[in-house]
Amino acid sequence: MNTLLACEKDEFLSCIETVKELETSEFETYSIVKHTETGEHYLRYFLSHINLSEGGRRDNYDHFLPLDSDDVLGLMFGDQDYRFPENWRSSYLRSGNDNRLIPFDPSENYDLEEEAAAELAMVEKLEQYKAQWMHAENLTAEEREKLTAEYFAALDKILKKPEE
């Protein structure tokens, strides 16, 4: 498969033919499409969004996920999931509010369980620190400094940073 390159949306769409429509609703359409010049197949996800803050203006967005032959067959015969965003974990082209399709790599947004756990642990440590600090009126300046140092050491441990 070719590397995904930014391109003009209208130009790209003029070379696309629908191979099979997989699902359609008032706001979404999934289809297998083929680029007639390159022969590449894509899973197209078309979304029409009603922008209420702009007086009900309809914004249309296109997403094109490159497919290999096995993916095309899997989708054609209903053996492969295609819903966005769950099944869109590799790079694809997407549009915005201008006339461009740009490559997007969603991989940086997945597999963040470790970061989410660290975030929750940090919030828990902050809550503990705040509770201790609220009852620190009887502590000396030295004890308060120690409490703060312990808090930051705990954060470093959560983030797996060695102590400096």
N, C-alpha and C. Protein backbone atom coordinates (compact mmCIF):
# COMPACT_ATOMS: atom_id res chain seq x y z
N MET A 1 0.84 -1.18 0.00
CA MET A 1 0.00 0.00 0.00
C MET A 1 0.88 1.24 0.00
N ASN A 2 0.46 2.24 -0.72
CA ASN A 2 1.21 3.50 -0.77
C ASN A 2 1.12 4.22 0.56
N THR A 3 2.11 5.06 0.82
CA THR A 3 2.08 5.92 1.99
C THR A 3 0.96 6.93 1.80
N LEU A 4 0.25 7.22 2.85
CA LEU A 4 -0.84 8.18 2.77
C LEU A 4 -0.27 9.58 2.65
N LEU A 5 -0.76 10.31 1.68
CA LEU A 5 -0.31 11.68 1.46
C LEU A 5 -1.51 12.62 1.47
N ALA A 6 -1.29 13.82 1.97
CA ALA A 6 -2.35 14.83 1.95
C ALA A 6 -2.72 15.11 0.49
N CYS A 7 -3.99 15.38 0.26
CA CYS A 7 -4.44 15.67 -1.09
C CYS A 7 -5.70 16.52 -1.05
N GLU A 8 -6.10 17.00 -2.21
CA GLU A 8 -7.34 17.76 -2.33
C GLU A 8 -8.51 16.79 -2.29
N LYS A 9 -9.47 17.09 -1.44
CA LYS A 9 -10.62 16.20 -1.23
C LYS A 9 -11.43 16.00 -2.51
N ASP A 10 -11.75 17.10 -3.21
CA ASP A 10 -12.58 16.98 -4.42
C ASP A 10 -11.89 16.14 -5.49
N GLU A 11 -10.58 16.33 -5.62
CA GLU A 11 -9.82 15.57 -6.61
C GLU A 11 -9.83 14.08 -6.26
N PHE A 12 -9.62 13.77 -4.97
CA PHE A 12 -9.63 12.39 -4.50
C PHE A 12 -11.01 11.76 -4.73
N LEU A 13 -12.07 12.49 -4.36
CA LEU A 13 -13.43 11.96 -4.50
C LEU A 13 -13.80 11.72 -5.96
N SER A 14 -13.24 12.51 -6.87
CA SER A 14 -13.56 12.33 -8.29
C SER A 14 -13.00 11.01 -8.84
N CYS A 15 -12.04 10.42 -8.13
CA CYS A 15 -11.43 9.16 -8.57
C CYS A 15 -11.95 7.96 -7.78
N ILE A 16 -12.96 8.15 -6.95
CA ILE A 16 -13.47 7.09 -6.09
C ILE A 16 -14.76 6.51 -6.67
N GLU A 17 -14.81 5.19 -6.70
CA GLU A 17 -16.06 4.51 -7.05
C GLU A 17 -16.44 3.56 -5.93
N THR A 18 -17.72 3.49 -5.64
CA THR A 18 -18.21 2.63 -4.56
C THR A 18 -18.26 1.20 -5.04
N VAL A 19 -17.64 0.32 -4.26
CA VAL A 19 -17.65 -1.11 -4.55
C VAL A 19 -18.84 -1.75 -3.86
N LYS A 20 -19.02 -1.41 -2.56
CA LYS A 20 -20.16 -1.95 -1.81
C LYS A 20 -20.48 -1.02 -0.65
N GLU A 21 -21.75 -0.71 -0.52
CA GLU A 21 -22.21 0.05 0.64
C GLU A 21 -22.48 -0.94 1.76
N LEU A 22 -21.86 -0.71 2.92
CA LEU A 22 -21.98 -1.64 4.04
C LEU A 22 -23.11 -1.26 4.99
N GLU A 23 -23.28 0.04 5.21
CA GLU A 23 -24.29 0.50 6.17
C GLU A 23 -24.55 1.99 5.89
N THR A 24 -25.80 2.37 6.03
CA THR A 24 -26.12 3.78 5.84
C THR A 24 -27.24 4.20 6.79
N SER A 25 -27.13 5.45 7.27
CA SER A 25 -28.18 6.04 8.09
C SER A 25 -28.26 7.51 7.70
N GLU A 26 -29.07 8.25 8.42
CA GLU A 26 -29.24 9.67 8.10
C GLU A 26 -27.93 10.45 8.26
N PHE A 27 -27.08 10.02 9.18
CA PHE A 27 -25.87 10.77 9.48
C PHE A 27 -24.56 10.06 9.15
N GLU A 28 -24.61 8.75 8.91
CA GLU A 28 -23.38 7.99 8.68
C GLU A 28 -23.54 7.04 7.50
N THR A 29 -22.42 6.84 6.80
CA THR A 29 -22.38 5.83 5.75
C THR A 29 -21.02 5.15 5.78
N TYR A 30 -21.04 3.84 5.71
CA TYR A 30 -19.83 3.04 5.59
C TYR A 30 -19.88 2.34 4.24
N SER A 31 -18.78 2.41 3.50
CA SER A 31 -18.73 1.72 2.22
C SER A 31 -17.30 1.36 1.86
N ILE A 32 -17.19 0.34 1.01
CA ILE A 32 -15.89 -0.02 0.44
C ILE A 32 -15.80 0.75 -0.87
N VAL A 33 -14.72 1.48 -1.05
CA VAL A 33 -14.53 2.24 -2.27
C VAL A 33 -13.18 1.90 -2.89
N LYS A 34 -13.07 2.20 -4.19
CA LYS A 34 -11.82 1.93 -4.92
C LYS A 34 -11.39 3.21 -5.62
N HIS A 35 -10.11 3.51 -5.51
CA HIS A 35 -9.53 4.65 -6.22
C HIS A 35 -9.24 4.17 -7.64
N THR A 36 -9.91 4.74 -8.63
CA THR A 36 -9.82 4.23 -10.00
C THR A 36 -8.44 4.41 -10.62
N GLU A 37 -7.67 5.39 -10.18
CA GLU A 37 -6.34 5.61 -10.77
C GLU A 37 -5.26 4.73 -10.15
N THR A 38 -5.36 4.48 -8.85
CA THR A 38 -4.32 3.70 -8.17
C THR A 38 -4.73 2.25 -7.93
N GLY A 39 -6.02 1.96 -7.98
CA GLY A 39 -6.50 0.61 -7.70
C GLY A 39 -6.60 0.30 -6.21
N GLU A 40 -6.25 1.27 -5.36
CA GLU A 40 -6.30 1.08 -3.91
C GLU A 40 -7.76 1.02 -3.45
N HIS A 41 -8.00 0.16 -2.46
CA HIS A 41 -9.32 0.07 -1.84
C HIS A 41 -9.27 0.76 -0.48
N TYR A 42 -10.39 1.35 -0.11
CA TYR A 42 -10.52 2.05 1.17
C TYR A 42 -11.87 1.71 1.79
N LEU A 43 -11.88 1.74 3.11
CA LEU A 43 -13.14 1.74 3.84
C LEU A 43 -13.48 3.21 4.04
N ARG A 44 -14.60 3.63 3.52
CA ARG A 44 -15.01 5.03 3.64
C ARG A 44 -16.03 5.16 4.75
N TYR A 45 -15.76 6.09 5.62
CA TYR A 45 -16.72 6.45 6.67
C TYR A 45 -17.09 7.90 6.42
N PHE A 46 -18.35 8.12 6.09
CA PHE A 46 -18.86 9.47 5.83
C PHE A 46 -19.76 9.85 7.00
N LEU A 47 -19.51 11.01 7.59
CA LEU A 47 -20.28 11.49 8.73
C LEU A 47 -20.82 12.87 8.41
N SER A 48 -22.11 13.04 8.63
CA SER A 48 -22.73 14.35 8.49
C SER A 48 -23.12 14.81 9.89
N HIS A 49 -22.55 15.93 10.30
CA HIS A 49 -22.73 16.45 11.65
C HIS A 49 -23.52 17.75 11.59
N ILE A 50 -24.55 17.86 12.42
CA ILE A 50 -25.32 19.10 12.48
C ILE A 50 -24.70 19.98 13.56
N ASN A 51 -24.16 21.10 13.14
CA ASN A 51 -23.47 22.02 14.03
C ASN A 51 -24.49 23.03 14.57
N LEU A 52 -25.02 22.73 15.75
CA LEU A 52 -26.07 23.57 16.33
C LEU A 52 -25.55 24.96 16.70
N SER A 53 -24.28 25.05 17.09
CA SER A 53 -23.74 26.37 17.45
C SER A 53 -23.59 27.28 16.24
N GLU A 54 -23.70 26.71 15.04
CA GLU A 54 -23.62 27.49 13.81
C GLU A 54 -24.98 27.54 13.11
N GLY A 55 -26.04 27.53 13.88
CA GLY A 55 -27.38 27.66 13.32
C GLY A 55 -27.90 26.42 12.62
N GLY A 56 -27.38 25.25 12.97
CA GLY A 56 -27.85 24.01 12.35
C GLY A 56 -27.15 23.66 11.06
N ARG A 57 -26.01 24.31 10.80
CA ARG A 57 -25.26 24.03 9.57
C ARG A 57 -24.79 22.58 9.59
N ARG A 58 -24.87 21.92 8.45
CA ARG A 58 -24.42 20.54 8.33
C ARG A 58 -22.97 20.53 7.86
N ASP A 59 -22.11 19.86 8.66
CA ASP A 59 -20.71 19.68 8.29
C ASP A 59 -20.52 18.22 7.91
N ASN A 60 -19.90 17.99 6.76
CA ASN A 60 -19.68 16.63 6.27
C ASN A 60 -18.21 16.28 6.38
N TYR A 61 -17.94 15.09 6.89
CA TYR A 61 -16.57 14.62 7.08
C TYR A 61 -16.39 13.27 6.42
N ASP A 62 -15.25 13.09 5.78
CA ASP A 62 -14.90 11.83 5.13
C ASP A 62 -13.66 11.25 5.79
N HIS A 63 -13.66 9.94 5.95
CA HIS A 63 -12.51 9.20 6.46
C HIS A 63 -12.27 8.04 5.49
N PHE A 64 -11.02 7.82 5.11
CA PHE A 64 -10.68 6.75 4.19
C PHE A 64 -9.57 5.89 4.79
N LEU A 65 -9.93 4.66 5.17
CA LEU A 65 -8.99 3.71 5.76
C LEU A 65 -8.50 2.78 4.66
N PRO A 66 -7.20 2.77 4.37
CA PRO A 66 -6.68 1.85 3.33
C PRO A 66 -6.95 0.40 3.70
N LEU A 67 -7.30 -0.39 2.69
CA LEU A 67 -7.60 -1.81 2.90
C LEU A 67 -6.70 -2.67 2.03
N ASP A 68 -6.30 -3.82 2.57
CA ASP A 68 -5.62 -4.79 1.72
C ASP A 68 -6.68 -5.78 1.22
N SER A 69 -6.28 -6.69 0.36
CA SER A 69 -7.23 -7.63 -0.27
C SER A 69 -8.03 -8.43 0.74
N ASP A 70 -7.34 -8.92 1.79
CA ASP A 70 -8.03 -9.71 2.81
C ASP A 70 -9.09 -8.89 3.53
N ASP A 71 -8.77 -7.61 3.82
CA ASP A 71 -9.74 -6.73 4.47
C ASP A 71 -10.96 -6.52 3.58
N VAL A 72 -10.72 -6.30 2.30
CA VAL A 72 -11.83 -6.08 1.36
C VAL A 72 -12.76 -7.30 1.38
N LEU A 73 -12.18 -8.49 1.29
CA LEU A 73 -13.01 -9.70 1.30
C LEU A 73 -13.73 -9.87 2.64
N GLY A 74 -13.02 -9.62 3.73
CA GLY A 74 -13.63 -9.74 5.06
C GLY A 74 -14.82 -8.81 5.22
N LEU A 75 -14.69 -7.60 4.71
CA LEU A 75 -15.79 -6.64 4.78
C LEU A 75 -16.93 -7.01 3.83
N MET A 76 -16.58 -7.45 2.64
CA MET A 76 -17.60 -7.81 1.65
C MET A 76 -18.51 -8.93 2.16
N PHE A 77 -17.90 -9.89 2.87
CA PHE A 77 -18.67 -11.04 3.34
C PHE A 77 -19.13 -10.90 4.79
N GLY A 78 -18.95 -9.71 5.37
CA GLY A 78 -19.45 -9.45 6.72
C GLY A 78 -18.67 -10.11 7.83
N ASP A 79 -17.43 -10.53 7.54
CA ASP A 79 -16.62 -11.22 8.54
C ASP A 79 -15.72 -10.27 9.34
N GLN A 80 -15.77 -9.00 9.03
CA GLN A 80 -14.85 -8.06 9.66
C GLN A 80 -15.61 -6.83 10.15
N ASP A 81 -15.27 -6.39 11.37
CA ASP A 81 -15.89 -5.20 11.92
C ASP A 81 -15.30 -3.96 11.27
N TYR A 82 -16.10 -2.90 11.19
CA TYR A 82 -15.64 -1.70 10.51
C TYR A 82 -16.04 -0.40 11.20
N ARG A 83 -16.74 -0.47 12.30
CA ARG A 83 -17.26 0.75 12.95
C ARG A 83 -16.14 1.69 13.37
N PHE A 84 -16.40 2.96 13.23
CA PHE A 84 -15.47 4.02 13.63
C PHE A 84 -15.81 4.43 15.06
N PRO A 85 -14.87 4.64 15.94
CA PRO A 85 -13.41 4.59 15.79
C PRO A 85 -12.79 3.28 16.24
N GLU A 86 -13.59 2.35 16.77
CA GLU A 86 -13.06 1.12 17.37
C GLU A 86 -12.15 0.34 16.42
N ASN A 87 -12.49 0.28 15.16
CA ASN A 87 -11.77 -0.55 14.21
C ASN A 87 -10.86 0.26 13.28
N TRP A 88 -10.59 1.48 13.64
CA TRP A 88 -9.75 2.35 12.83
C TRP A 88 -8.46 2.66 13.59
N ARG A 89 -7.62 1.67 13.74
CA ARG A 89 -6.42 1.82 14.56
C ARG A 89 -5.15 1.98 13.75
N SER A 90 -5.27 2.03 12.44
CA SER A 90 -4.10 2.29 11.61
C SER A 90 -4.33 3.62 10.88
N SER A 91 -3.30 4.14 10.27
CA SER A 91 -3.37 5.46 9.62
C SER A 91 -4.43 5.49 8.53
N TYR A 92 -5.10 6.63 8.43
CA TYR A 92 -6.12 6.82 7.41
C TYR A 92 -6.16 8.29 7.00
N LEU A 93 -6.87 8.58 5.93
CA LEU A 93 -7.07 9.95 5.48
C LEU A 93 -8.37 10.47 6.09
N ARG A 94 -8.35 11.72 6.51
CA ARG A 94 -9.59 12.30 7.03
C ARG A 94 -9.70 13.75 6.58
N SER A 95 -10.94 14.20 6.48
CA SER A 95 -11.19 15.58 6.05
C SER A 95 -11.53 16.44 7.25
N GLY A 96 -11.50 17.74 7.01
CA GLY A 96 -11.90 18.70 8.02
C GLY A 96 -12.91 19.63 7.41
N ASN A 97 -12.85 20.89 7.77
CA ASN A 97 -13.78 21.88 7.22
C ASN A 97 -13.25 22.57 5.98
N ASP A 98 -12.12 22.11 5.48
CA ASP A 98 -11.59 22.67 4.24
C ASP A 98 -11.62 21.57 3.18
N ASN A 99 -11.04 21.82 2.06
CA ASN A 99 -11.11 20.88 0.94
C ASN A 99 -9.84 20.01 0.89
N ARG A 100 -9.44 19.46 2.04
CA ARG A 100 -8.25 18.63 2.06
C ARG A 100 -8.55 17.31 2.75
N LEU A 101 -7.79 16.31 2.36
CA LEU A 101 -7.74 15.04 3.08
C LEU A 101 -6.31 14.96 3.62
N ILE A 102 -6.20 14.72 4.92
CA ILE A 102 -4.88 14.67 5.52
C ILE A 102 -4.70 13.33 6.25
N PRO A 103 -3.47 12.81 6.26
CA PRO A 103 -3.22 11.56 6.97
C PRO A 103 -3.37 11.77 8.47
N PHE A 104 -3.90 10.76 9.13
CA PHE A 104 -4.06 10.80 10.58
C PHE A 104 -3.65 9.45 11.13
N ASP A 105 -2.80 9.45 12.16
CA ASP A 105 -2.36 8.22 12.81
C ASP A 105 -2.99 8.15 14.19
N PRO A 106 -4.01 7.30 14.35
CA PRO A 106 -4.71 7.23 15.64
C PRO A 106 -3.97 6.40 16.69
N SER A 107 -2.88 5.77 16.32
CA SER A 107 -2.23 4.84 17.24
C SER A 107 -1.77 5.52 18.52
N GLU A 108 -1.49 6.81 18.46
CA GLU A 108 -1.05 7.50 19.67
C GLU A 108 -2.18 7.65 20.68
N ASN A 109 -3.41 7.45 20.26
CA ASN A 109 -4.55 7.60 21.16
C ASN A 109 -5.06 6.29 21.72
N TYR A 110 -4.46 5.18 21.34
CA TYR A 110 -4.88 3.88 21.83
C TYR A 110 -3.83 3.30 22.77
N ASP A 111 -4.21 2.28 23.47
CA ASP A 111 -3.31 1.60 24.40
C ASP A 111 -2.77 2.55 25.45
N LEU A 112 -3.63 3.38 26.00
CA LEU A 112 -3.23 4.35 27.00
C LEU A 112 -3.64 3.93 28.41
N GLU A 113 -3.87 2.64 28.61
CA GLU A 113 -4.33 2.17 29.91
C GLU A 113 -3.33 2.52 31.01
N GLU A 114 -2.03 2.34 30.70
CA GLU A 114 -1.00 2.62 31.70
C GLU A 114 -1.00 4.10 32.08
N GLU A 115 -1.14 4.97 31.09
CA GLU A 115 -1.18 6.40 31.36
C GLU A 115 -2.43 6.78 32.16
N ALA A 116 -3.56 6.14 31.84
CA ALA A 116 -4.79 6.42 32.57
C ALA A 116 -4.68 5.97 34.02
N ALA A 117 -4.06 4.83 34.25
CA ALA A 117 -3.87 4.34 35.62
C ALA A 117 -2.95 5.28 36.39
N ALA A 118 -1.90 5.77 35.74
CA ALA A 118 -0.98 6.71 36.39
C ALA A 118 -1.71 8.01 36.73
N GLU A 119 -2.56 8.45 35.83
CA GLU A 119 -3.32 9.68 36.08
C GLU A 119 -4.23 9.53 37.30
N LEU A 120 -4.92 8.40 37.39
CA LEU A 120 -5.79 8.15 38.55
C LEU A 120 -4.98 8.07 39.84
N ALA A 121 -3.83 7.43 39.77
CA ALA A 121 -2.97 7.33 40.96
C ALA A 121 -2.48 8.70 41.38
N MET A 122 -2.16 9.56 40.42
CA MET A 122 -1.70 10.91 40.74
C MET A 122 -2.81 11.73 41.40
N VAL A 123 -4.02 11.60 40.90
CA VAL A 123 -5.16 12.31 41.49
C VAL A 123 -5.39 11.82 42.92
N GLU A 124 -5.27 10.50 43.13
CA GLU A 124 -5.44 9.95 44.47
C GLU A 124 -4.38 10.51 45.42
N LYS A 125 -3.13 10.56 44.96
CA LYS A 125 -2.04 11.11 45.79
C LYS A 125 -2.28 12.59 46.09
N LEU A 126 -2.79 13.33 45.11
CA LEU A 126 -3.08 14.75 45.32
C LEU A 126 -4.16 14.90 46.39
N GLU A 127 -5.21 14.09 46.31
CA GLU A 127 -6.28 14.16 47.31
C GLU A 127 -5.74 13.84 48.71
N GLN A 128 -4.88 12.84 48.78
CA GLN A 128 -4.27 12.50 50.08
C GLN A 128 -3.43 13.66 50.60
N TYR A 129 -2.63 14.24 49.72
CA TYR A 129 -1.77 15.35 50.11
C TYR A 129 -2.61 16.54 50.60
N LYS A 130 -3.67 16.85 49.85
CA LYS A 130 -4.53 17.97 50.25
C LYS A 130 -5.16 17.71 51.62
N ALA A 131 -5.61 16.48 51.85
CA ALA A 131 -6.21 16.15 53.14
C ALA A 131 -5.19 16.28 54.27
N GLN A 132 -3.97 15.82 54.03
CA GLN A 132 -2.92 15.95 55.05
C GLN A 132 -2.58 17.42 55.28
N TRP A 133 -2.53 18.20 54.24
CA TRP A 133 -2.17 19.62 54.33
C TRP A 133 -3.24 20.40 55.09
N MET A 134 -4.50 20.01 54.92
CA MET A 134 -5.60 20.69 55.61
C MET A 134 -5.46 20.53 57.13
N HIS A 135 -4.85 19.44 57.55
CA HIS A 135 -4.66 19.18 58.98
C HIS A 135 -3.21 19.41 59.39
N ALA A 136 -2.52 20.26 58.68
CA ALA A 136 -1.09 20.48 58.93
C ALA A 136 -0.82 21.72 59.78
N GLU A 137 -1.87 22.32 60.34
CA GLU A 137 -1.66 23.56 61.09
C GLU A 137 -0.75 23.37 62.30
N ASN A 138 -0.71 22.15 62.83
CA ASN A 138 0.14 21.88 63.99
C ASN A 138 1.53 21.37 63.61
N LEU A 139 1.79 21.28 62.28
CA LEU A 139 3.09 20.79 61.83
C LEU A 139 4.10 21.93 61.75
N THR A 140 5.34 21.61 61.96
CA THR A 140 6.40 22.61 61.81
C THR A 140 6.67 22.79 60.31
N ALA A 141 7.40 23.84 60.00
CA ALA A 141 7.77 24.10 58.61
C ALA A 141 8.57 22.93 58.04
N GLU A 142 9.41 22.34 58.87
CA GLU A 142 10.21 21.19 58.46
C GLU A 142 9.33 19.99 58.13
N GLU A 143 8.31 19.76 58.94
CA GLU A 143 7.40 18.64 58.72
C GLU A 143 6.54 18.87 57.47
N ARG A 144 6.16 20.12 57.24
CA ARG A 144 5.41 20.45 56.03
C ARG A 144 6.26 20.25 54.79
N GLU A 145 7.50 20.63 54.88
CA GLU A 145 8.42 20.44 53.76
C GLU A 145 8.61 18.95 53.48
N LYS A 146 8.72 18.15 54.54
CA LYS A 146 8.86 16.70 54.39
C LYS A 146 7.60 16.11 53.73
N LEU A 147 6.43 16.58 54.16
CA LEU A 147 5.16 16.12 53.58
C LEU A 147 5.12 16.41 52.08
N THR A 148 5.54 17.60 51.70
CA THR A 148 5.56 17.99 50.29
C THR A 148 6.58 17.16 49.52
N ALA A 149 7.76 16.95 50.10
CA ALA A 149 8.79 16.14 49.44
C ALA A 149 8.30 14.71 49.22
N GLU A 150 7.60 14.16 50.21
CA GLU A 150 7.04 12.80 50.08
C GLU A 150 5.99 12.75 48.97
N TYR A 151 5.20 13.81 48.87
CA TYR A 151 4.18 13.87 47.82
C TYR A 151 4.83 13.84 46.44
N PHE A 152 5.85 14.68 46.23
CA PHE A 152 6.51 14.72 44.93
C PHE A 152 7.27 13.44 44.64
N ALA A 153 7.83 12.80 45.67
CA ALA A 153 8.51 11.51 45.49
C ALA A 153 7.50 10.45 45.04
N ALA A 154 6.30 10.50 45.62
CA ALA A 154 5.25 9.55 45.23
C ALA A 154 4.83 9.78 43.78
N LEU A 155 4.74 11.05 43.36
CA LEU A 155 4.41 11.34 41.95
C LEU A 155 5.50 10.82 41.03
N ASP A 156 6.76 11.03 41.40
CA ASP A 156 7.87 10.54 40.57
C ASP A 156 7.82 9.02 40.45
N LYS A 157 7.46 8.35 41.54
CA LYS A 157 7.38 6.89 41.53
C LYS A 157 6.25 6.45 40.58
N ILE A 158 5.13 7.15 40.65
CA ILE A 158 4.01 6.82 39.74
C ILE A 158 4.43 7.00 38.29
N LEU A 159 5.16 8.06 38.02
CA LEU A 159 5.62 8.34 36.66
C LEU A 159 6.89 7.56 36.31
N LYS A 160 7.38 6.79 37.28
CA LYS A 160 8.59 5.96 37.11
C LYS A 160 9.82 6.79 36.79
N LYS A 161 9.90 7.96 37.42
CA LYS A 161 11.07 8.82 37.28
C LYS A 161 12.02 8.53 38.43
N PRO A 162 13.29 8.38 38.15
CA PRO A 162 14.23 8.20 39.26
C PRO A 162 14.35 9.50 40.05
N GLU A 163 14.55 9.37 41.34
CA GLU A 163 14.70 10.57 42.16
C GLU A 163 16.00 11.27 41.80
N GLU A 164 15.93 12.58 41.75
CA GLU A 164 17.11 13.38 41.39
C GLU A 164 17.84 13.81 42.62
